[in-house]
Amino acid sequence: MSVQTFLTIGALALLAFTSLRFNEIALENTTVEVENKVYLTAFSLADDLIEEIKQKAFDAATVSFPTTNPKSLTPYYSLGPSSTEKYPYYNDVDDFNNLTREVDAPHVENYSVSCKVFYVDGDNPSTKTNYQTFYKKVEVTVSSEYMRGDIKLSFIFTLK
């Protein structure tokens, strides 16, 4: 074989390697772009639910009138909707406790959005309490089979 043949084979091999690497990079970029859209949508779903909850009264006892006595608030073991309340017609923050719903979005189907509500200590909001306080923490979790991990957002609601 001549030198020109070896140079031609080498050039073709280099072209093939460059082409494969370009395709690999393009696929990685597309994957990252779709993954970012999935996570951004998950954050938006969690934020939307928190914003919806912000429009509600602090507690069933405060729908009509505020209170200065935390013992008049819903007991911690009763947080959640009453048997007659159905989503989306909740009227106070703790009605959202144990809410779980499936949401379909343009990029991914079957996001699972769930919510937990509990009383927390006013001096240490990371500490859950088993008694009524003027502080309720809402944790919204969004999961999907297309995400590596769940998205969790929380917000502290206060009556003070």
N, C-alpha and C. Protein backbone atom coordinates (compact mmCIF):
# COMPACT_ATOMS: atom_id res chain seq x y z
N MET A 1 0.84 -1.18 0.00
CA MET A 1 0.00 0.00 0.00
C MET A 1 0.88 1.24 0.00
N SER A 2 0.34 2.24 -0.63
CA SER A 2 1.11 3.46 -0.75
C SER A 2 0.85 4.38 0.44
N VAL A 3 1.67 5.38 0.55
CA VAL A 3 1.54 6.37 1.61
C VAL A 3 0.21 7.11 1.50
N GLN A 4 -0.22 7.36 0.29
CA GLN A 4 -1.50 8.07 0.09
C GLN A 4 -2.67 7.24 0.62
N THR A 5 -2.62 5.95 0.48
CA THR A 5 -3.68 5.07 0.99
C THR A 5 -3.73 5.15 2.50
N PHE A 6 -2.56 5.09 3.15
CA PHE A 6 -2.51 5.20 4.61
C PHE A 6 -3.03 6.56 5.08
N LEU A 7 -2.66 7.60 4.37
CA LEU A 7 -3.15 8.93 4.74
C LEU A 7 -4.67 9.03 4.57
N THR A 8 -5.19 8.43 3.53
CA THR A 8 -6.63 8.44 3.29
C THR A 8 -7.36 7.66 4.39
N ILE A 9 -6.85 6.49 4.73
CA ILE A 9 -7.46 5.68 5.80
C ILE A 9 -7.39 6.44 7.13
N GLY A 10 -6.27 7.06 7.39
CA GLY A 10 -6.12 7.85 8.62
C GLY A 10 -7.09 9.02 8.68
N ALA A 11 -7.26 9.71 7.55
CA ALA A 11 -8.18 10.84 7.49
C ALA A 11 -9.61 10.39 7.71
N LEU A 12 -9.99 9.27 7.10
CA LEU A 12 -11.34 8.73 7.29
C LEU A 12 -11.58 8.30 8.73
N ALA A 13 -10.57 7.70 9.36
CA ALA A 13 -10.69 7.28 10.76
C ALA A 13 -10.84 8.51 11.65
N LEU A 14 -10.07 9.54 11.38
CA LEU A 14 -10.17 10.78 12.16
C LEU A 14 -11.53 11.44 11.96
N LEU A 15 -12.03 11.45 10.76
CA LEU A 15 -13.36 12.00 10.47
C LEU A 15 -14.44 11.21 11.19
N ALA A 16 -14.34 9.87 11.16
CA ALA A 16 -15.33 9.02 11.84
C ALA A 16 -15.29 9.27 13.35
N PHE A 17 -14.12 9.35 13.94
CA PHE A 17 -14.00 9.60 15.37
C PHE A 17 -14.59 10.96 15.73
N THR A 18 -14.27 11.99 14.95
CA THR A 18 -14.79 13.35 15.20
C THR A 18 -16.31 13.37 15.08
N SER A 19 -16.84 12.68 14.10
CA SER A 19 -18.29 12.62 13.89
C SER A 19 -18.98 11.93 15.07
N LEU A 20 -18.42 10.82 15.52
CA LEU A 20 -19.00 10.11 16.67
C LEU A 20 -18.97 10.98 17.93
N ARG A 21 -17.88 11.65 18.16
CA ARG A 21 -17.74 12.51 19.34
C ARG A 21 -18.74 13.68 19.26
N PHE A 22 -18.92 14.25 18.09
CA PHE A 22 -19.88 15.34 17.92
C PHE A 22 -21.30 14.86 18.24
N ASN A 23 -21.66 13.67 17.74
CA ASN A 23 -23.00 13.12 18.02
C ASN A 23 -23.19 12.84 19.51
N GLU A 24 -22.16 12.36 20.16
CA GLU A 24 -22.22 12.08 21.60
C GLU A 24 -22.46 13.37 22.38
N ILE A 25 -21.75 14.42 22.03
CA ILE A 25 -21.90 15.71 22.70
C ILE A 25 -23.29 16.29 22.46
N ALA A 26 -23.78 16.19 21.24
CA ALA A 26 -25.12 16.69 20.91
C ALA A 26 -26.18 15.95 21.71
N LEU A 27 -26.05 14.64 21.85
CA LEU A 27 -27.00 13.84 22.63
C LEU A 27 -26.95 14.21 24.11
N GLU A 28 -25.74 14.41 24.65
CA GLU A 28 -25.60 14.82 26.05
C GLU A 28 -26.27 16.18 26.29
N ASN A 29 -26.08 17.11 25.38
CA ASN A 29 -26.69 18.43 25.52
C ASN A 29 -28.21 18.35 25.50
N THR A 30 -28.76 17.52 24.63
CA THR A 30 -30.21 17.35 24.56
C THR A 30 -30.73 16.72 25.86
N THR A 31 -30.02 15.73 26.38
CA THR A 31 -30.41 15.08 27.63
C THR A 31 -30.42 16.08 28.78
N VAL A 32 -29.39 16.89 28.88
CA VAL A 32 -29.31 17.89 29.95
C VAL A 32 -30.43 18.92 29.80
N GLU A 33 -30.72 19.32 28.57
CA GLU A 33 -31.79 20.29 28.33
C GLU A 33 -33.14 19.75 28.78
N VAL A 34 -33.45 18.52 28.43
CA VAL A 34 -34.73 17.91 28.83
C VAL A 34 -34.78 17.73 30.34
N GLU A 35 -33.68 17.28 30.93
CA GLU A 35 -33.62 17.10 32.38
C GLU A 35 -33.85 18.43 33.10
N ASN A 36 -33.27 19.50 32.61
CA ASN A 36 -33.47 20.82 33.20
C ASN A 36 -34.93 21.25 33.11
N LYS A 37 -35.59 20.97 32.00
CA LYS A 37 -37.01 21.31 31.86
C LYS A 37 -37.86 20.53 32.84
N VAL A 38 -37.53 19.26 33.05
CA VAL A 38 -38.28 18.42 34.00
C VAL A 38 -38.14 18.98 35.41
N TYR A 39 -36.93 19.32 35.83
CA TYR A 39 -36.71 19.85 37.17
C TYR A 39 -37.33 21.25 37.33
N LEU A 40 -37.22 22.07 36.32
CA LEU A 40 -37.82 23.40 36.38
C LEU A 40 -39.33 23.30 36.52
N THR A 41 -39.94 22.38 35.81
CA THR A 41 -41.38 22.17 35.92
C THR A 41 -41.73 21.67 37.32
N ALA A 42 -40.93 20.78 37.87
CA ALA A 42 -41.18 20.27 39.21
C ALA A 42 -41.11 21.40 40.24
N PHE A 43 -40.10 22.26 40.15
CA PHE A 43 -40.01 23.41 41.05
C PHE A 43 -41.23 24.31 40.89
N SER A 44 -41.66 24.52 39.67
CA SER A 44 -42.83 25.37 39.42
C SER A 44 -44.09 24.77 40.03
N LEU A 45 -44.26 23.46 39.92
CA LEU A 45 -45.43 22.81 40.51
C LEU A 45 -45.44 22.96 42.03
N ALA A 46 -44.28 22.79 42.65
CA ALA A 46 -44.19 22.95 44.12
C ALA A 46 -44.47 24.39 44.51
N ASP A 47 -43.89 25.33 43.80
CA ASP A 47 -44.11 26.75 44.09
C ASP A 47 -45.56 27.15 43.87
N ASP A 48 -46.17 26.63 42.82
CA ASP A 48 -47.59 26.94 42.55
C ASP A 48 -48.48 26.50 43.70
N LEU A 49 -48.21 25.31 44.25
CA LEU A 49 -49.03 24.84 45.36
C LEU A 49 -48.82 25.71 46.60
N ILE A 50 -47.60 26.09 46.89
CA ILE A 50 -47.33 26.97 48.03
C ILE A 50 -48.03 28.31 47.83
N GLU A 51 -47.98 28.84 46.63
CA GLU A 51 -48.67 30.11 46.36
C GLU A 51 -50.18 29.96 46.52
N GLU A 52 -50.72 28.83 46.14
CA GLU A 52 -52.15 28.57 46.33
C GLU A 52 -52.49 28.53 47.82
N ILE A 53 -51.64 27.88 48.60
CA ILE A 53 -51.88 27.78 50.05
C ILE A 53 -51.79 29.14 50.71
N LYS A 54 -50.94 30.01 50.21
CA LYS A 54 -50.80 31.35 50.79
C LYS A 54 -52.10 32.16 50.74
N GLN A 55 -52.98 31.78 49.83
CA GLN A 55 -54.25 32.50 49.68
C GLN A 55 -55.29 32.07 50.72
N LYS A 56 -55.00 31.05 51.51
CA LYS A 56 -55.96 30.49 52.46
C LYS A 56 -55.74 31.05 53.86
N ALA A 57 -56.76 30.87 54.70
CA ALA A 57 -56.66 31.28 56.10
C ALA A 57 -55.64 30.40 56.81
N PHE A 58 -55.12 30.89 57.92
CA PHE A 58 -54.12 30.13 58.68
C PHE A 58 -54.72 28.83 59.23
N ASP A 59 -55.95 28.92 59.73
CA ASP A 59 -56.58 27.77 60.37
C ASP A 59 -58.09 27.88 60.24
N ALA A 60 -58.78 26.76 60.41
CA ALA A 60 -60.25 26.79 60.36
C ALA A 60 -60.80 27.73 61.42
N ALA A 61 -60.10 27.83 62.54
CA ALA A 61 -60.55 28.73 63.62
C ALA A 61 -60.32 30.19 63.29
N THR A 62 -59.54 30.48 62.24
CA THR A 62 -59.25 31.87 61.90
C THR A 62 -59.84 32.28 60.55
N VAL A 63 -60.70 31.46 59.99
CA VAL A 63 -61.31 31.80 58.70
C VAL A 63 -62.11 33.08 58.82
N SER A 64 -62.89 33.19 59.92
CA SER A 64 -63.72 34.38 60.12
C SER A 64 -63.06 35.42 61.01
N PHE A 65 -62.43 34.98 62.10
CA PHE A 65 -61.84 35.89 63.07
C PHE A 65 -60.47 35.38 63.51
N PRO A 66 -59.52 36.27 63.72
CA PRO A 66 -58.21 35.84 64.25
C PRO A 66 -58.35 35.42 65.72
N THR A 67 -57.35 34.73 66.20
CA THR A 67 -57.35 34.29 67.59
C THR A 67 -56.01 34.61 68.23
N THR A 68 -56.02 34.77 69.53
CA THR A 68 -54.77 34.99 70.27
C THR A 68 -54.43 33.79 71.13
N ASN A 69 -55.26 32.75 71.06
CA ASN A 69 -55.05 31.55 71.86
C ASN A 69 -54.71 30.38 70.94
N PRO A 70 -53.49 29.88 70.98
CA PRO A 70 -53.12 28.78 70.08
C PRO A 70 -53.92 27.50 70.35
N LYS A 71 -54.45 27.35 71.56
CA LYS A 71 -55.23 26.13 71.88
C LYS A 71 -56.55 26.09 71.12
N SER A 72 -56.99 27.22 70.58
CA SER A 72 -58.24 27.22 69.80
C SER A 72 -58.01 26.78 68.36
N LEU A 73 -56.75 26.58 67.97
CA LEU A 73 -56.43 26.12 66.62
C LEU A 73 -56.66 24.62 66.48
N THR A 74 -56.69 24.14 65.27
CA THR A 74 -56.88 22.72 65.00
C THR A 74 -55.79 21.91 65.68
N PRO A 75 -56.16 20.86 66.43
CA PRO A 75 -55.14 20.02 67.07
C PRO A 75 -54.22 19.38 66.03
N TYR A 76 -52.96 19.14 66.42
CA TYR A 76 -51.97 18.62 65.46
C TYR A 76 -52.41 17.29 64.86
N TYR A 77 -53.12 16.47 65.60
CA TYR A 77 -53.53 15.16 65.11
C TYR A 77 -54.74 15.25 64.17
N SER A 78 -55.33 16.45 64.03
CA SER A 78 -56.49 16.62 63.14
C SER A 78 -56.17 17.46 61.91
N LEU A 79 -54.90 17.75 61.68
CA LEU A 79 -54.55 18.56 60.51
C LEU A 79 -54.95 17.82 59.24
N GLY A 80 -55.62 18.52 58.35
CA GLY A 80 -56.11 17.93 57.11
C GLY A 80 -57.52 18.42 56.85
N PRO A 81 -58.06 18.08 55.70
CA PRO A 81 -59.41 18.55 55.38
C PRO A 81 -60.47 17.80 56.19
N SER A 82 -61.59 18.46 56.40
CA SER A 82 -62.71 17.77 57.02
C SER A 82 -63.31 16.82 55.98
N SER A 83 -64.20 15.98 56.41
CA SER A 83 -64.77 14.99 55.49
C SER A 83 -65.59 15.63 54.38
N THR A 84 -66.03 16.87 54.57
CA THR A 84 -66.83 17.54 53.54
C THR A 84 -66.00 18.41 52.60
N GLU A 85 -64.73 18.65 52.94
CA GLU A 85 -63.89 19.51 52.11
C GLU A 85 -63.13 18.68 51.08
N LYS A 86 -63.17 19.12 49.85
CA LYS A 86 -62.46 18.45 48.77
C LYS A 86 -61.58 19.46 48.05
N TYR A 87 -60.39 19.01 47.64
CA TYR A 87 -59.50 19.86 46.87
C TYR A 87 -60.17 20.15 45.54
N PRO A 88 -60.19 21.35 45.04
CA PRO A 88 -59.43 22.55 45.39
C PRO A 88 -60.21 23.55 46.25
N TYR A 89 -61.21 23.09 46.96
CA TYR A 89 -62.07 24.00 47.72
C TYR A 89 -61.67 24.09 49.19
N TYR A 90 -60.41 23.91 49.50
CA TYR A 90 -59.93 24.05 50.87
C TYR A 90 -59.97 25.52 51.27
N ASN A 91 -60.17 25.75 52.59
CA ASN A 91 -60.25 27.15 53.03
C ASN A 91 -59.15 27.55 54.01
N ASP A 92 -58.33 26.59 54.46
CA ASP A 92 -57.23 26.97 55.35
C ASP A 92 -56.01 26.10 55.09
N VAL A 93 -54.89 26.53 55.66
CA VAL A 93 -53.58 25.93 55.38
C VAL A 93 -53.54 24.44 55.66
N ASP A 94 -54.01 24.04 56.83
CA ASP A 94 -53.83 22.63 57.20
C ASP A 94 -54.72 21.67 56.42
N ASP A 95 -55.69 22.18 55.66
CA ASP A 95 -56.50 21.30 54.81
C ASP A 95 -55.62 20.57 53.79
N PHE A 96 -54.48 21.15 53.46
CA PHE A 96 -53.59 20.58 52.45
C PHE A 96 -52.75 19.43 52.99
N ASN A 97 -52.84 19.15 54.30
CA ASN A 97 -52.06 18.05 54.87
C ASN A 97 -52.46 16.73 54.22
N ASN A 98 -51.47 15.98 53.78
CA ASN A 98 -51.62 14.67 53.12
C ASN A 98 -52.25 14.75 51.73
N LEU A 99 -52.30 15.94 51.15
CA LEU A 99 -52.77 16.05 49.77
C LEU A 99 -51.75 15.40 48.84
N THR A 100 -52.22 14.57 47.95
CA THR A 100 -51.38 13.99 46.90
C THR A 100 -52.18 14.02 45.61
N ARG A 101 -51.54 14.51 44.57
CA ARG A 101 -52.23 14.53 43.28
C ARG A 101 -51.22 14.32 42.17
N GLU A 102 -51.71 13.79 41.07
CA GLU A 102 -50.88 13.57 39.90
C GLU A 102 -51.09 14.75 38.94
N VAL A 103 -50.00 15.22 38.36
CA VAL A 103 -50.07 16.34 37.43
C VAL A 103 -49.31 15.97 36.17
N ASP A 104 -49.93 16.20 35.03
CA ASP A 104 -49.26 16.00 33.75
C ASP A 104 -48.81 17.36 33.23
N ALA A 105 -47.61 17.40 32.68
CA ALA A 105 -47.06 18.64 32.13
C ALA A 105 -46.58 18.36 30.71
N PRO A 106 -46.28 19.40 29.94
CA PRO A 106 -45.89 19.20 28.53
C PRO A 106 -44.67 18.29 28.33
N HIS A 107 -43.69 18.34 29.24
CA HIS A 107 -42.46 17.57 29.02
C HIS A 107 -42.52 16.18 29.63
N VAL A 108 -43.27 16.04 30.71
CA VAL A 108 -43.30 14.78 31.45
C VAL A 108 -44.69 14.56 32.00
N GLU A 109 -45.13 13.34 31.97
CA GLU A 109 -46.41 13.00 32.58
C GLU A 109 -46.17 12.43 33.98
N ASN A 110 -47.21 12.45 34.77
CA ASN A 110 -47.23 11.80 36.07
C ASN A 110 -46.25 12.37 37.09
N TYR A 111 -46.22 13.68 37.23
CA TYR A 111 -45.56 14.25 38.39
C TYR A 111 -46.45 13.94 39.58
N SER A 112 -45.88 13.56 40.68
CA SER A 112 -46.64 13.35 41.90
C SER A 112 -46.33 14.52 42.83
N VAL A 113 -47.37 15.28 43.18
CA VAL A 113 -47.22 16.44 44.06
C VAL A 113 -47.89 16.08 45.38
N SER A 114 -47.13 16.13 46.47
CA SER A 114 -47.70 15.80 47.77
C SER A 114 -47.35 16.90 48.77
N CYS A 115 -48.16 16.99 49.80
CA CYS A 115 -48.01 18.09 50.76
C CYS A 115 -48.18 17.56 52.18
N LYS A 116 -47.35 18.04 53.08
CA LYS A 116 -47.45 17.76 54.51
C LYS A 116 -47.52 19.09 55.24
N VAL A 117 -48.35 19.14 56.27
CA VAL A 117 -48.48 20.35 57.08
C VAL A 117 -48.35 19.93 58.55
N PHE A 118 -47.55 20.68 59.30
CA PHE A 118 -47.42 20.39 60.71
C PHE A 118 -47.06 21.67 61.46
N TYR A 119 -47.35 21.66 62.76
CA TYR A 119 -46.98 22.77 63.61
C TYR A 119 -45.48 22.69 63.90
N VAL A 120 -44.85 23.87 64.00
CA VAL A 120 -43.43 23.92 64.34
C VAL A 120 -43.22 24.92 65.47
N ASP A 121 -42.10 24.78 66.13
CA ASP A 121 -41.71 25.68 67.21
C ASP A 121 -41.35 27.04 66.60
N GLY A 122 -41.88 28.12 67.17
CA GLY A 122 -41.61 29.45 66.65
C GLY A 122 -40.16 29.86 66.76
N ASP A 123 -39.44 29.35 67.77
CA ASP A 123 -38.03 29.68 67.95
C ASP A 123 -37.11 28.78 67.11
N ASN A 124 -37.61 27.62 66.75
CA ASN A 124 -36.82 26.69 65.95
C ASN A 124 -37.74 26.03 64.92
N PRO A 125 -37.95 26.67 63.76
CA PRO A 125 -38.92 26.17 62.78
C PRO A 125 -38.61 24.80 62.19
N SER A 126 -37.45 24.25 62.46
CA SER A 126 -37.16 22.91 61.96
C SER A 126 -37.64 21.84 62.94
N THR A 127 -38.17 22.27 64.10
CA THR A 127 -38.65 21.34 65.10
C THR A 127 -40.17 21.23 65.04
N LYS A 128 -40.65 20.03 64.71
CA LYS A 128 -42.09 19.78 64.70
C LYS A 128 -42.59 19.70 66.15
N THR A 129 -43.84 20.11 66.34
CA THR A 129 -44.42 20.02 67.68
C THR A 129 -45.70 19.16 67.62
N ASN A 130 -46.08 18.63 68.76
CA ASN A 130 -47.32 17.89 68.84
C ASN A 130 -48.36 18.69 69.64
N TYR A 131 -48.27 20.00 69.50
CA TYR A 131 -49.24 20.92 70.09
C TYR A 131 -49.39 22.11 69.15
N GLN A 132 -50.48 22.84 69.34
CA GLN A 132 -50.76 23.97 68.46
C GLN A 132 -49.81 25.13 68.73
N THR A 133 -49.34 25.75 67.64
CA THR A 133 -48.54 26.97 67.73
C THR A 133 -49.06 27.91 66.65
N PHE A 134 -48.52 29.11 66.65
CA PHE A 134 -48.89 30.07 65.61
C PHE A 134 -48.02 29.92 64.36
N TYR A 135 -47.35 28.76 64.24
CA TYR A 135 -46.47 28.50 63.11
C TYR A 135 -46.80 27.13 62.51
N LYS A 136 -47.09 27.12 61.21
CA LYS A 136 -47.31 25.88 60.49
C LYS A 136 -46.30 25.80 59.36
N LYS A 137 -45.68 24.66 59.25
CA LYS A 137 -44.73 24.44 58.16
C LYS A 137 -45.40 23.57 57.11
N VAL A 138 -45.29 24.00 55.87
CA VAL A 138 -45.83 23.25 54.74
C VAL A 138 -44.64 22.74 53.93
N GLU A 139 -44.62 21.43 53.70
CA GLU A 139 -43.58 20.83 52.86
C GLU A 139 -44.25 20.24 51.63
N VAL A 140 -43.83 20.71 50.48
CA VAL A 140 -44.37 20.21 49.21
C VAL A 140 -43.26 19.40 48.53
N THR A 141 -43.59 18.18 48.16
CA THR A 141 -42.64 17.29 47.50
C THR A 141 -43.17 16.95 46.12
N VAL A 142 -42.30 17.07 45.12
CA VAL A 142 -42.66 16.71 43.75
C VAL A 142 -41.71 15.61 43.30
N SER A 143 -42.29 14.53 42.80
CA SER A 143 -41.47 13.43 42.32
C SER A 143 -41.94 12.99 40.94
N SER A 144 -41.06 12.31 40.25
CA SER A 144 -41.37 11.78 38.93
C SER A 144 -40.37 10.68 38.64
N GLU A 145 -40.80 9.71 37.88
CA GLU A 145 -39.88 8.64 37.50
C GLU A 145 -38.76 9.16 36.60
N TYR A 146 -38.93 10.36 36.06
CA TYR A 146 -37.94 10.94 35.16
C TYR A 146 -36.92 11.82 35.89
N MET A 147 -37.05 11.91 37.21
CA MET A 147 -36.11 12.72 38.00
C MET A 147 -35.26 11.80 38.86
N ARG A 148 -34.02 12.18 39.07
CA ARG A 148 -33.12 11.37 39.89
C ARG A 148 -33.46 11.49 41.37
N GLY A 149 -34.00 12.63 41.76
CA GLY A 149 -34.37 12.86 43.15
C GLY A 149 -35.59 13.73 43.23
N ASP A 150 -36.24 13.72 44.37
CA ASP A 150 -37.44 14.53 44.56
C ASP A 150 -37.08 15.99 44.78
N ILE A 151 -38.02 16.86 44.44
CA ILE A 151 -37.90 18.29 44.72
C ILE A 151 -38.74 18.55 45.97
N LYS A 152 -38.16 19.23 46.95
CA LYS A 152 -38.90 19.52 48.17
C LYS A 152 -38.76 21.00 48.50
N LEU A 153 -39.90 21.69 48.59
CA LEU A 153 -39.92 23.09 49.00
C LEU A 153 -40.75 23.20 50.26
N SER A 154 -40.36 24.10 51.13
CA SER A 154 -41.14 24.30 52.36
C SER A 154 -41.35 25.79 52.60
N PHE A 155 -42.37 26.07 53.40
CA PHE A 155 -42.71 27.45 53.72
C PHE A 155 -43.32 27.46 55.11
N ILE A 156 -42.97 28.47 55.90
CA ILE A 156 -43.54 28.62 57.24
C ILE A 156 -44.65 29.65 57.18
N PHE A 157 -45.83 29.25 57.63
CA PHE A 157 -46.97 30.15 57.73
C PHE A 157 -47.11 30.55 59.19
N THR A 158 -47.42 31.81 59.42
CA THR A 158 -47.57 32.28 60.79
C THR A 158 -48.83 33.12 60.92
N LEU A 159 -49.38 33.09 62.13
CA LEU A 159 -50.57 33.88 62.40
C LEU A 159 -50.18 35.19 63.05
N LYS A 160 -48.98 35.28 63.58
CA LYS A 160 -48.55 36.50 64.28
C LYS A 160 -48.38 37.66 63.32
